[in-house]
Amino acid sequence: DFEVIPGITSSISVPAYAGIPVTHRGLARSFHVFTGHTMENG
């Protein structure tokens, strides 16, 4: 048996702590999150 407890992802919270909103009217209507690593198969 398992249960998932979601956490606040760094992809939105860390920019917020730096004073950077990931979306803002007139500048960004979307945000896209990527891993910075290559996959295991390269």
PDB file of all heavy atoms in Angstrom:
ATOM      1  N   ASP A   1       0.837  -1.199   0.000  1.00  0.00           N
ATOM      2  CA  ASP A   1       0.000   0.000   0.000  1.00  0.00           C
ATOM      3  C   ASP A   1       0.874   1.252   0.000  1.00  0.00           C
ATOM      4  O   ASP A   1       1.942   1.280   0.626  1.00  0.00           O
ATOM      5  CB  ASP A   1      -0.897   0.027   1.236  1.00  0.00           C
ATOM      6  CG  ASP A   1      -2.026  -0.971   1.150  1.00  0.00           C
ATOM      7  OD1 ASP A   1      -2.311  -1.434   0.027  1.00  0.00           O
ATOM      8  OD2 ASP A   1      -2.622  -1.295   2.203  1.00  0.00           O
ATOM      9  N   PHE A   2       0.403   2.275  -0.687  1.00  0.00           N
ATOM     10  CA  PHE A   2       1.160   3.524  -0.729  1.00  0.00           C
ATOM     11  C   PHE A   2       0.207   4.713  -0.790  1.00  0.00           C
ATOM     12  O   PHE A   2      -0.979   4.581  -1.076  1.00  0.00           O
ATOM     13  CB  PHE A   2       2.106   3.545  -1.938  1.00  0.00           C
ATOM     14  CG  PHE A   2       1.390   3.598  -3.261  1.00  0.00           C
ATOM     15  CD1 PHE A   2       1.092   4.816  -3.862  1.00  0.00           C
ATOM     16  CD2 PHE A   2       1.016   2.428  -3.900  1.00  0.00           C
ATOM     17  CE1 PHE A   2       0.417   4.858  -5.072  1.00  0.00           C
ATOM     18  CE2 PHE A   2       0.341   2.459  -5.111  1.00  0.00           C
ATOM     19  CZ  PHE A   2       0.045   3.677  -5.703  1.00  0.00           C
ATOM     20  N   GLU A   3       0.769   5.866  -0.516  1.00  0.00           N
ATOM     21  CA  GLU A   3       0.024   7.113  -0.609  1.00  0.00           C
ATOM     22  C   GLU A   3       0.990   8.186  -1.111  1.00  0.00           C
ATOM     23  O   GLU A   3       2.163   8.184  -0.755  1.00  0.00           O
ATOM     24  CB  GLU A   3      -0.521   7.494   0.766  1.00  0.00           C
ATOM     25  CG  GLU A   3      -1.534   8.623   0.761  1.00  0.00           C
ATOM     26  CD  GLU A   3      -2.200   8.822   2.121  1.00  0.00           C
ATOM     27  OE1 GLU A   3      -2.392   7.814   2.838  1.00  0.00           O
ATOM     28  OE2 GLU A   3      -2.500   9.975   2.450  1.00  0.00           O
ATOM     29  N   VAL A   4       0.495   9.095  -1.928  1.00  0.00           N
ATOM     30  CA  VAL A   4       1.314  10.183  -2.458  1.00  0.00           C
ATOM     31  C   VAL A   4       0.920  11.491  -1.781  1.00  0.00           C
ATOM     32  O   VAL A   4      -0.256  11.838  -1.742  1.00  0.00           O
ATOM     33  CB  VAL A   4       1.159  10.317  -3.987  1.00  0.00           C
ATOM     34  CG1 VAL A   4       1.985  11.496  -4.508  1.00  0.00           C
ATOM     35  CG2 VAL A   4       1.571   9.024  -4.676  1.00  0.00           C
ATOM     36  N   ILE A   5       1.907  12.182  -1.233  1.00  0.00           N
ATOM     37  CA  ILE A   5       1.674  13.502  -0.648  1.00  0.00           C
ATOM     38  C   ILE A   5       2.414  14.509  -1.522  1.00  0.00           C
ATOM     39  O   ILE A   5       3.647  14.584  -1.479  1.00  0.00           O
ATOM     40  CB  ILE A   5       2.155  13.599   0.824  1.00  0.00           C
ATOM     41  CG1 ILE A   5       1.327  12.694   1.722  1.00  0.00           C
ATOM     42  CG2 ILE A   5       2.045  15.017   1.326  1.00  0.00           C
ATOM     43  CD1 ILE A   5       1.770  11.280   1.779  1.00  0.00           C
ATOM     44  N   PRO A   6       1.693  15.259  -2.343  1.00  0.00           N
ATOM     45  CA  PRO A   6       2.356  16.202  -3.253  1.00  0.00           C
ATOM     46  C   PRO A   6       3.172  17.246  -2.491  1.00  0.00           C
ATOM     47  O   PRO A   6       2.893  17.552  -1.326  1.00  0.00           O
ATOM     48  CB  PRO A   6       1.181  16.867  -3.987  1.00  0.00           C
ATOM     49  CG  PRO A   6       0.022  15.944  -3.787  1.00  0.00           C
ATOM     50  CD  PRO A   6       0.232  15.294  -2.457  1.00  0.00           C
ATOM     51  N   GLY A   7       4.175  17.777  -3.157  1.00  0.00           N
ATOM     52  CA  GLY A   7       4.978  18.845  -2.583  1.00  0.00           C
ATOM     53  C   GLY A   7       4.998  20.050  -3.498  1.00  0.00           C
ATOM     54  O   GLY A   7       4.643  19.966  -4.674  1.00  0.00           O
ATOM     55  N   ILE A   8       5.415  21.187  -2.976  1.00  0.00           N
ATOM     56  CA  ILE A   8       5.522  22.396  -3.798  1.00  0.00           C
ATOM     57  C   ILE A   8       6.745  22.248  -4.695  1.00  0.00           C
ATOM     58  O   ILE A   8       7.869  22.166  -4.213  1.00  0.00           O
ATOM     59  CB  ILE A   8       5.657  23.646  -2.916  1.00  0.00           C
ATOM     60  CG1 ILE A   8       4.448  23.777  -1.989  1.00  0.00           C
ATOM     61  CG2 ILE A   8       5.826  24.891  -3.760  1.00  0.00           C
ATOM     62  CD1 ILE A   8       4.558  24.914  -1.005  1.00  0.00           C
ATOM     63  N   THR A   9       6.525  22.192  -5.985  1.00  0.00           N
ATOM     64  CA  THR A   9       7.630  21.975  -6.908  1.00  0.00           C
ATOM     65  C   THR A   9       8.552  23.190  -6.979  1.00  0.00           C
ATOM     66  O   THR A   9       8.085  24.340  -6.978  1.00  0.00           O
ATOM     67  CB  THR A   9       7.130  21.622  -8.316  1.00  0.00           C
ATOM     68  OG1 THR A   9       8.245  21.615  -9.208  1.00  0.00           O
ATOM     69  CG2 THR A   9       6.104  22.614  -8.821  1.00  0.00           C
ATOM     70  N   SER A  10       9.825  22.936  -7.085  1.00  0.00           N
ATOM     71  CA  SER A  10      10.804  24.026  -7.181  1.00  0.00           C
ATOM     72  C   SER A  10      10.649  24.810  -8.478  1.00  0.00           C
ATOM     73  O   SER A  10      11.105  25.946  -8.576  1.00  0.00           O
ATOM     74  CB  SER A  10      12.225  23.463  -7.084  1.00  0.00           C
ATOM     75  OG  SER A  10      12.469  22.560  -8.139  1.00  0.00           O
ATOM     76  N   SER A  11       9.988  24.226  -9.464  1.00  0.00           N
ATOM     77  CA  SER A  11       9.865  24.894 -10.765  1.00  0.00           C
ATOM     78  C   SER A  11       9.054  26.183 -10.677  1.00  0.00           C
ATOM     79  O   SER A  11       9.221  27.079 -11.512  1.00  0.00           O
ATOM     80  CB  SER A  11       9.226  23.957 -11.790  1.00  0.00           C
ATOM     81  OG  SER A  11       7.930  23.572 -11.381  1.00  0.00           O
ATOM     82  N   ILE A  12       8.172  26.305  -9.688  1.00  0.00           N
ATOM     83  CA  ILE A  12       7.423  27.556  -9.517  1.00  0.00           C
ATOM     84  C   ILE A  12       7.817  28.280  -8.221  1.00  0.00           C
ATOM     85  O   ILE A  12       7.816  29.505  -8.169  1.00  0.00           O
ATOM     86  CB  ILE A  12       5.903  27.316  -9.543  1.00  0.00           C
ATOM     87  CG1 ILE A  12       5.479  26.325  -8.452  1.00  0.00           C
ATOM     88  CG2 ILE A  12       5.454  26.837 -10.914  1.00  0.00           C
ATOM     89  CD1 ILE A  12       3.969  26.166  -8.319  1.00  0.00           C
ATOM     90  N   SER A  13       8.179  27.509  -7.180  1.00  0.00           N
ATOM     91  CA  SER A  13       8.444  28.139  -5.880  1.00  0.00           C
ATOM     92  C   SER A  13       9.802  28.827  -5.826  1.00  0.00           C
ATOM     93  O   SER A  13       9.932  29.923  -5.258  1.00  0.00           O
ATOM     94  CB  SER A  13       8.356  27.101  -4.761  1.00  0.00           C
ATOM     95  OG  SER A  13       9.231  26.024  -4.994  1.00  0.00           O
ATOM     96  N   VAL A  14      10.816  28.212  -6.410  1.00  0.00           N
ATOM     97  CA  VAL A  14      12.153  28.826  -6.378  1.00  0.00           C
ATOM     98  C   VAL A  14      12.175  30.136  -7.176  1.00  0.00           C
ATOM     99  O   VAL A  14      12.702  31.147  -6.687  1.00  0.00           O
ATOM    100  CB  VAL A  14      13.224  27.823  -6.851  1.00  0.00           C
ATOM    101  CG1 VAL A  14      14.545  28.530  -7.107  1.00  0.00           C
ATOM    102  CG2 VAL A  14      13.402  26.729  -5.794  1.00  0.00           C
ATOM    103  N   PRO A  15      11.605  30.182  -8.391  1.00  0.00           N
ATOM    104  CA  PRO A  15      11.507  31.487  -9.052  1.00  0.00           C
ATOM    105  C   PRO A  15      10.739  32.511  -8.219  1.00  0.00           C
ATOM    106  O   PRO A  15      11.125  33.689  -8.176  1.00  0.00           O
ATOM    107  CB  PRO A  15      10.768  31.165 -10.355  1.00  0.00           C
ATOM    108  CG  PRO A  15      11.058  29.733 -10.615  1.00  0.00           C
ATOM    109  CD  PRO A  15      11.150  29.094  -9.260  1.00  0.00           C
ATOM    110  N   ALA A  16       9.680  32.067  -7.546  1.00  0.00           N
ATOM    111  CA  ALA A  16       8.907  32.990  -6.702  1.00  0.00           C
ATOM    112  C   ALA A  16       9.767  33.575  -5.593  1.00  0.00           C
ATOM    113  O   ALA A  16       9.676  34.769  -5.278  1.00  0.00           O
ATOM    114  CB  ALA A  16       7.693  32.274  -6.112  1.00  0.00           C
ATOM    115  N   TYR A  17      10.634  32.748  -4.986  1.00  0.00           N
ATOM    116  CA  TYR A  17      11.531  33.236  -3.937  1.00  0.00           C
ATOM    117  C   TYR A  17      12.586  34.186  -4.503  1.00  0.00           C
ATOM    118  O   TYR A  17      13.202  34.948  -3.760  1.00  0.00           O
ATOM    119  CB  TYR A  17      12.196  32.065  -3.219  1.00  0.00           C
ATOM    120  CG  TYR A  17      11.470  31.644  -1.965  1.00  0.00           C
ATOM    121  CD1 TYR A  17      10.169  31.160  -2.020  1.00  0.00           C
ATOM    122  CD2 TYR A  17      12.076  31.733  -0.721  1.00  0.00           C
ATOM    123  CE1 TYR A  17       9.493  30.779  -0.887  1.00  0.00           C
ATOM    124  CE2 TYR A  17      11.409  31.359   0.436  1.00  0.00           C
ATOM    125  CZ  TYR A  17      10.117  30.874   0.350  1.00  0.00           C
ATOM    126  OH  TYR A  17       9.445  30.505   1.487  1.00  0.00           O
ATOM    127  N   ALA A  18      12.798  34.123  -5.797  1.00  0.00           N
ATOM    128  CA  ALA A  18      13.752  35.028  -6.444  1.00  0.00           C
ATOM    129  C   ALA A  18      13.050  36.262  -7.023  1.00  0.00           C
ATOM    130  O   ALA A  18      13.681  37.084  -7.672  1.00  0.00           O
ATOM    131  CB  ALA A  18      14.505  34.299  -7.546  1.00  0.00           C
ATOM    132  N   GLY A  19      11.745  36.362  -6.790  1.00  0.00           N
ATOM    133  CA  GLY A  19      10.996  37.495  -7.315  1.00  0.00           C
ATOM    134  C   GLY A  19      10.675  37.382  -8.792  1.00  0.00           C
ATOM    135  O   GLY A  19      10.500  38.382  -9.487  1.00  0.00           O
ATOM    136  N   ILE A  20      10.569  36.131  -9.269  1.00  0.00           N
ATOM    137  CA  ILE A  20      10.283  35.897 -10.698  1.00  0.00           C
ATOM    138  C   ILE A  20       9.000  35.072 -10.822  1.00  0.00           C
ATOM    139  O   ILE A  20       8.991  33.886 -10.478  1.00  0.00           O
ATOM    140  CB  ILE A  20      11.448  35.157 -11.385  1.00  0.00           C
ATOM    141  CG1 ILE A  20      12.742  35.965 -11.271  1.00  0.00           C
ATOM    142  CG2 ILE A  20      11.107  34.883 -12.856  1.00  0.00           C
ATOM    143  CD1 ILE A  20      13.972  35.195 -11.730  1.00  0.00           C
ATOM    144  N   PRO A  21       7.912  35.654 -11.311  1.00  0.00           N
ATOM    145  CA  PRO A  21       6.690  34.870 -11.544  1.00  0.00           C
ATOM    146  C   PRO A  21       6.849  34.086 -12.847  1.00  0.00           C
ATOM    147  O   PRO A  21       7.363  34.619 -13.836  1.00  0.00           O
ATOM    148  CB  PRO A  21       5.605  35.943 -11.676  1.00  0.00           C
ATOM    149  CG  PRO A  21       6.335  37.140 -12.204  1.00  0.00           C
ATOM    150  CD  PRO A  21       7.739  37.075 -11.656  1.00  0.00           C
ATOM    151  N   VAL A  22       6.436  32.846 -12.877  1.00  0.00           N
ATOM    152  CA  VAL A  22       6.619  32.067 -14.116  1.00  0.00           C
ATOM    153  C   VAL A  22       5.627  32.483 -15.195  1.00  0.00           C
ATOM    154  O   VAL A  22       5.868  32.238 -16.391  1.00  0.00           O
ATOM    155  CB  VAL A  22       6.546  30.541 -13.847  1.00  0.00           C
ATOM    156  CG1 VAL A  22       7.753  30.088 -13.039  1.00  0.00           C
ATOM    157  CG2 VAL A  22       5.255  30.153 -13.165  1.00  0.00           C
ATOM    158  N   THR A  23       4.516  33.104 -14.788  1.00  0.00           N
ATOM    159  CA  THR A  23       3.605  33.698 -15.776  1.00  0.00           C
ATOM    160  C   THR A  23       3.291  35.126 -15.339  1.00  0.00           C
ATOM    161  O   THR A  23       3.298  35.442 -14.151  1.00  0.00           O
ATOM    162  CB  THR A  23       2.281  32.908 -15.901  1.00  0.00           C
ATOM    163  OG1 THR A  23       1.554  32.988 -14.662  1.00  0.00           O
ATOM    164  CG2 THR A  23       2.527  31.460 -16.260  1.00  0.00           C
ATOM    165  N   HIS A  24       3.006  35.985 -16.331  1.00  0.00           N
ATOM    166  CA  HIS A  24       2.634  37.367 -16.035  1.00  0.00           C
ATOM    167  C   HIS A  24       1.938  37.941 -17.261  1.00  0.00           C
ATOM    168  O   HIS A  24       2.416  37.744 -18.399  1.00  0.00           O
ATOM    169  CB  HIS A  24       3.868  38.201 -15.678  1.00  0.00           C
ATOM    170  CG  HIS A  24       3.544  39.583 -15.185  1.00  0.00           C
ATOM    171  ND1 HIS A  24       3.069  39.826 -13.922  1.00  0.00           N
ATOM    172  CD2 HIS A  24       3.618  40.797 -15.811  1.00  0.00           C
ATOM    173  CE1 HIS A  24       2.892  41.128 -13.760  1.00  0.00           C
ATOM    174  NE2 HIS A  24       3.193  41.735 -14.895  1.00  0.00           N
ATOM    175  N   ARG A  25       0.835  38.638 -17.016  1.00  0.00           N
ATOM    176  CA  ARG A  25       0.056  39.180 -18.132  1.00  0.00           C
ATOM    177  C   ARG A  25       0.934  40.055 -19.032  1.00  0.00           C
ATOM    178  O   ARG A  25       1.651  40.925 -18.566  1.00  0.00           O
ATOM    179  CB  ARG A  25      -1.120  39.999 -17.605  1.00  0.00           C
ATOM    180  CG  ARG A  25      -1.965  40.618 -18.716  1.00  0.00           C
ATOM    181  CD  ARG A  25      -3.083  41.465 -18.196  1.00  0.00           C
ATOM    182  NE  ARG A  25      -4.142  40.662 -17.615  1.00  0.00           N
ATOM    183  CZ  ARG A  25      -5.318  41.154 -17.214  1.00  0.00           C
ATOM    184  NH1 ARG A  25      -5.555  42.442 -17.322  1.00  0.00           N
ATOM    185  NH2 ARG A  25      -6.228  40.362 -16.696  1.00  0.00           N
ATOM    186  N   GLY A  26       0.846  39.782 -20.298  1.00  0.00           N
ATOM    187  CA  GLY A  26       1.585  40.565 -21.284  1.00  0.00           C
ATOM    188  C   GLY A  26       2.997  40.068 -21.532  1.00  0.00           C
ATOM    189  O   GLY A  26       3.631  40.485 -22.504  1.00  0.00           O
ATOM    190  N   LEU A  27       3.504  39.193 -20.676  1.00  0.00           N
ATOM    191  CA  LEU A  27       4.873  38.686 -20.833  1.00  0.00           C
ATOM    192  C   LEU A  27       4.919  37.183 -21.074  1.00  0.00           C
ATOM    193  O   LEU A  27       5.671  36.715 -21.926  1.00  0.00           O
ATOM    194  CB  LEU A  27       5.716  39.029 -19.597  1.00  0.00           C
ATOM    195  CG  LEU A  27       6.086  40.490 -19.390  1.00  0.00           C
ATOM    196  CD1 LEU A  27       6.938  40.631 -18.123  1.00  0.00           C
ATOM    197  CD2 LEU A  27       6.860  41.035 -20.583  1.00  0.00           C
ATOM    198  N   ALA A  28       4.152  36.435 -20.280  1.00  0.00           N
ATOM    199  CA  ALA A  28       4.184  34.966 -20.416  1.00  0.00           C
ATOM    200  C   ALA A  28       2.827  34.397 -20.029  1.00  0.00           C
ATOM    201  O   ALA A  28       2.406  34.529 -18.869  1.00  0.00           O
ATOM    202  CB  ALA A  28       5.279  34.375 -19.543  1.00  0.00           C
ATOM    203  N   ARG A  29       2.169  33.768 -20.997  1.00  0.00           N
ATOM    204  CA  ARG A  29       0.853  33.164 -20.747  1.00  0.00           C
ATOM    205  C   ARG A  29       0.974  31.678 -20.447  1.00  0.00           C
ATOM    206  O   ARG A  29      -0.020  30.993 -20.232  1.00  0.00           O
ATOM    207  CB  ARG A  29      -0.056  33.390 -21.948  1.00  0.00           C
ATOM    208  CG  ARG A  29      -0.315  34.856 -22.235  1.00  0.00           C
ATOM    209  CD  ARG A  29      -1.143  35.053 -23.494  1.00  0.00           C
ATOM    210  NE  ARG A  29      -2.454  34.425 -23.393  1.00  0.00           N
ATOM    211  CZ  ARG A  29      -3.311  34.323 -24.400  1.00  0.00           C
ATOM    212  NH1 ARG A  29      -2.977  34.780 -25.592  1.00  0.00           N
ATOM    213  NH2 ARG A  29      -4.480  33.747 -24.230  1.00  0.00           N
ATOM    214  N   SER A  30       2.197  31.163 -20.447  1.00  0.00           N
ATOM    215  CA  SER A  30       2.418  29.740 -20.152  1.00  0.00           C
ATOM    216  C   SER A  30       3.826  29.572 -19.596  1.00  0.00           C
ATOM    217  O   SER A  30       4.676  30.456 -19.743  1.00  0.00           O
ATOM    218  CB  SER A  30       2.253  28.891 -21.425  1.00  0.00           C
ATOM    219  OG  SER A  30       3.233  29.258 -22.387  1.00  0.00           O
ATOM    220  N   PHE A  31       4.052  28.436 -18.960  1.00  0.00           N
ATOM    221  CA  PHE A  31       5.417  28.091 -18.579  1.00  0.00           C
ATOM    222  C   PHE A  31       5.630  26.604 -18.850  1.00  0.00           C
ATOM    223  O   PHE A  31       4.700  25.801 -18.820  1.00  0.00           O
ATOM    224  CB  PHE A  31       5.728  28.458 -17.115  1.00  0.00           C
ATOM    225  CG  PHE A  31       4.991  27.660 -16.083  1.00  0.00           C
ATOM    226  CD1 PHE A  31       5.576  26.545 -15.490  1.00  0.00           C
ATOM    227  CD2 PHE A  31       3.712  28.018 -15.680  1.00  0.00           C
ATOM    228  CE1 PHE A  31       4.917  25.816 -14.532  1.00  0.00           C
ATOM    229  CE2 PHE A  31       3.034  27.293 -14.713  1.00  0.00           C
ATOM    230  CZ  PHE A  31       3.637  26.189 -14.136  1.00  0.00           C
ATOM    231  N   HIS A  32       6.878  26.243 -19.121  1.00  0.00           N
ATOM    232  CA  HIS A  32       7.213  24.897 -19.558  1.00  0.00           C
ATOM    233  C   HIS A  32       8.404  24.415 -18.739  1.00  0.00           C
ATOM    234  O   HIS A  32       9.421  25.108 -18.637  1.00  0.00           O
ATOM    235  CB  HIS A  32       7.557  24.908 -21.052  1.00  0.00           C
ATOM    236  CG  HIS A  32       6.553  25.669 -21.873  1.00  0.00           C
ATOM    237  ND1 HIS A  32       5.461  25.078 -22.446  1.00  0.00           N
ATOM    238  CD2 HIS A  32       6.462  26.998 -22.173  1.00  0.00           C
ATOM    239  CE1 HIS A  32       4.739  25.989 -23.084  1.00  0.00           C
ATOM    240  NE2 HIS A  32       5.329  27.172 -22.923  1.00  0.00           N
ATOM    241  N   VAL A  33       8.259  23.234 -18.164  1.00  0.00           N
ATOM    242  CA  VAL A  33       9.283  22.712 -17.256  1.00  0.00           C
ATOM    243  C   VAL A  33       9.988  21.531 -17.915  1.00  0.00           C
ATOM    244  O   VAL A  33       9.340  20.598 -18.400  1.00  0.00           O
ATOM    245  CB  VAL A  33       8.650  22.267 -15.916  1.00  0.00           C
ATOM    246  CG1 VAL A  33       9.742  21.806 -14.951  1.00  0.00           C
ATOM    247  CG2 VAL A  33       7.840  23.403 -15.300  1.00  0.00           C
ATOM    248  N   PHE A  34      11.323  21.584 -17.899  1.00  0.00           N
ATOM    249  CA  PHE A  34      12.132  20.537 -18.519  1.00  0.00           C
ATOM    250  C   PHE A  34      13.195  20.063 -17.538  1.00  0.00           C
ATOM    251  O   PHE A  34      13.666  20.828 -16.693  1.00  0.00           O
ATOM    252  CB  PHE A  34      12.852  21.071 -19.772  1.00  0.00           C
ATOM    253  CG  PHE A  34      11.947  21.698 -20.784  1.00  0.00           C
ATOM    254  CD1 PHE A  34      11.694  23.063 -20.748  1.00  0.00           C
ATOM    255  CD2 PHE A  34      11.344  20.938 -21.778  1.00  0.00           C
ATOM    256  CE1 PHE A  34      10.862  23.655 -21.687  1.00  0.00           C
ATOM    257  CE2 PHE A  34      10.512  21.533 -22.720  1.00  0.00           C
ATOM    258  CZ  PHE A  34      10.263  22.890 -22.666  1.00  0.00           C
ATOM    259  N   THR A  35      13.590  18.830 -17.668  1.00  0.00           N
ATOM    260  CA  THR A  35      14.779  18.374 -16.952  1.00  0.00           C
ATOM    261  C   THR A  35      16.006  18.880 -17.699  1.00  0.00           C
ATOM    262  O   THR A  35      16.020  18.935 -18.930  1.00  0.00           O
ATOM    263  CB  THR A  35      14.831  16.836 -16.836  1.00  0.00           C
ATOM    264  OG1 THR A  35      16.086  16.471 -16.247  1.00  0.00           O
ATOM    265  CG2 THR A  35      14.722  16.155 -18.188  1.00  0.00           C
ATOM    266  N   GLY A  36      17.017  19.238 -16.948  1.00  0.00           N
ATOM    267  CA  GLY A  36      18.250  19.699 -17.560  1.00  0.00           C
ATOM    268  C   GLY A  36      19.195  18.574 -17.905  1.00  0.00           C
ATOM    269  O   GLY A  36      20.297  18.799 -18.395  1.00  0.00           O
ATOM    270  N   HIS A  37      18.780  17.331 -17.632  1.00  0.00           N
ATOM    271  CA  HIS A  37      19.631  16.170 -17.898  1.00  0.00           C
ATOM    272  C   HIS A  37      19.266  15.520 -19.225  1.00  0.00           C
ATOM    273  O   HIS A  37      18.108  15.562 -19.659  1.00  0.00           O
ATOM    274  CB  HIS A  37      19.450  15.106 -16.805  1.00  0.00           C
ATOM    275  CG  HIS A  37      20.054  15.497 -15.507  1.00  0.00           C
ATOM    276  ND1 HIS A  37      21.289  16.075 -15.395  1.00  0.00           N
ATOM    277  CD2 HIS A  37      19.582  15.377 -14.243  1.00  0.00           C
ATOM    278  CE1 HIS A  37      21.565  16.297 -14.117  1.00  0.00           C
ATOM    279  NE2 HIS A  37      20.538  15.884 -13.396  1.00  0.00           N
ATOM    280  N   THR A  38      20.233  14.905 -19.821  1.00  0.00           N
ATOM    281  CA  THR A  38      19.944  14.031 -20.962  1.00  0.00           C
ATOM    282  C   THR A  38      19.341  12.741 -20.429  1.00  0.00           C
ATOM    283  O   THR A  38      19.512  12.401 -19.262  1.00  0.00           O
ATOM    284  CB  THR A  38      21.229  13.697 -21.741  1.00  0.00           C
ATOM    285  OG1 THR A  38      22.172  13.127 -20.830  1.00  0.00           O
ATOM    286  CG2 THR A  38      21.813  14.943 -22.375  1.00  0.00           C
ATOM    287  N   MET A  39      18.641  12.005 -21.285  1.00  0.00           N
ATOM    288  CA  MET A  39      18.082  10.723 -20.875  1.00  0.00           C
ATOM    289  C   MET A  39      19.183   9.678 -20.819  1.00  0.00           C
ATOM    290  O   MET A  39      20.288   9.885 -21.323  1.00  0.00           O
ATOM    291  CB  MET A  39      16.979  10.293 -21.847  1.00  0.00           C
ATOM    292  CG  MET A  39      15.762  11.215 -21.826  1.00  0.00           C
ATOM    293  SD  MET A  39      14.499  10.698 -22.999  1.00  0.00           S
ATOM    294  CE  MET A  39      13.982   9.148 -22.281  1.00  0.00           C
ATOM    295  N   GLU A  40      18.892   8.545 -20.201  1.00  0.00           N
ATOM    296  CA  GLU A  40      19.894   7.486 -20.040  1.00  0.00           C
ATOM    297  C   GLU A  40      20.402   6.965 -21.382  1.00  0.00           C
ATOM    298  O   GLU A  40      21.543   6.525 -21.499  1.00  0.00           O
ATOM    299  CB  GLU A  40      19.299   6.335 -19.216  1.00  0.00           C
ATOM    300  CG  GLU A  40      19.104   6.712 -17.752  1.00  0.00           C
ATOM    301  CD  GLU A  40      18.262   5.678 -17.007  1.00  0.00           C
ATOM    302  OE1 GLU A  40      18.316   4.500 -17.387  1.00  0.00           O
ATOM    303  OE2 GLU A  40      17.562   6.048 -16.065  1.00  0.00           O
ATOM    304  N   ASN A  41      19.558   7.052 -22.393  1.00  0.00           N
ATOM    305  CA  ASN A  41      19.994   6.573 -23.723  1.00  0.00           C
ATOM    306  C   ASN A  41      20.673   7.681 -24.535  1.00  0.00           C
ATOM    307  O   ASN A  41      20.964   7.509 -25.708  1.00  0.00           O
ATOM    308  CB  ASN A  41      18.800   6.005 -24.499  1.00  0.00           C
ATOM    309  CG  ASN A  41      17.696   7.052 -24.707  1.00  0.00           C
ATOM    310  OD1 ASN A  41      17.905   8.229 -24.437  1.00  0.00           O
ATOM    311  ND2 ASN A  41      16.554   6.602 -25.182  1.00  0.00           N
ATOM    312  N   GLY A  42      20.919   8.821 -23.864  1.00  0.00           N
ATOM    313  CA  GLY A  42      21.644   9.907 -24.527  1.00  0.00           C
ATOM    314  C   GLY A  42      20.763  10.851 -25.325  1.00  0.00           C
ATOM    315  O   GLY A  42      21.251  11.841 -25.887  1.00  0.00           O
TER     316      GLY A  42
END
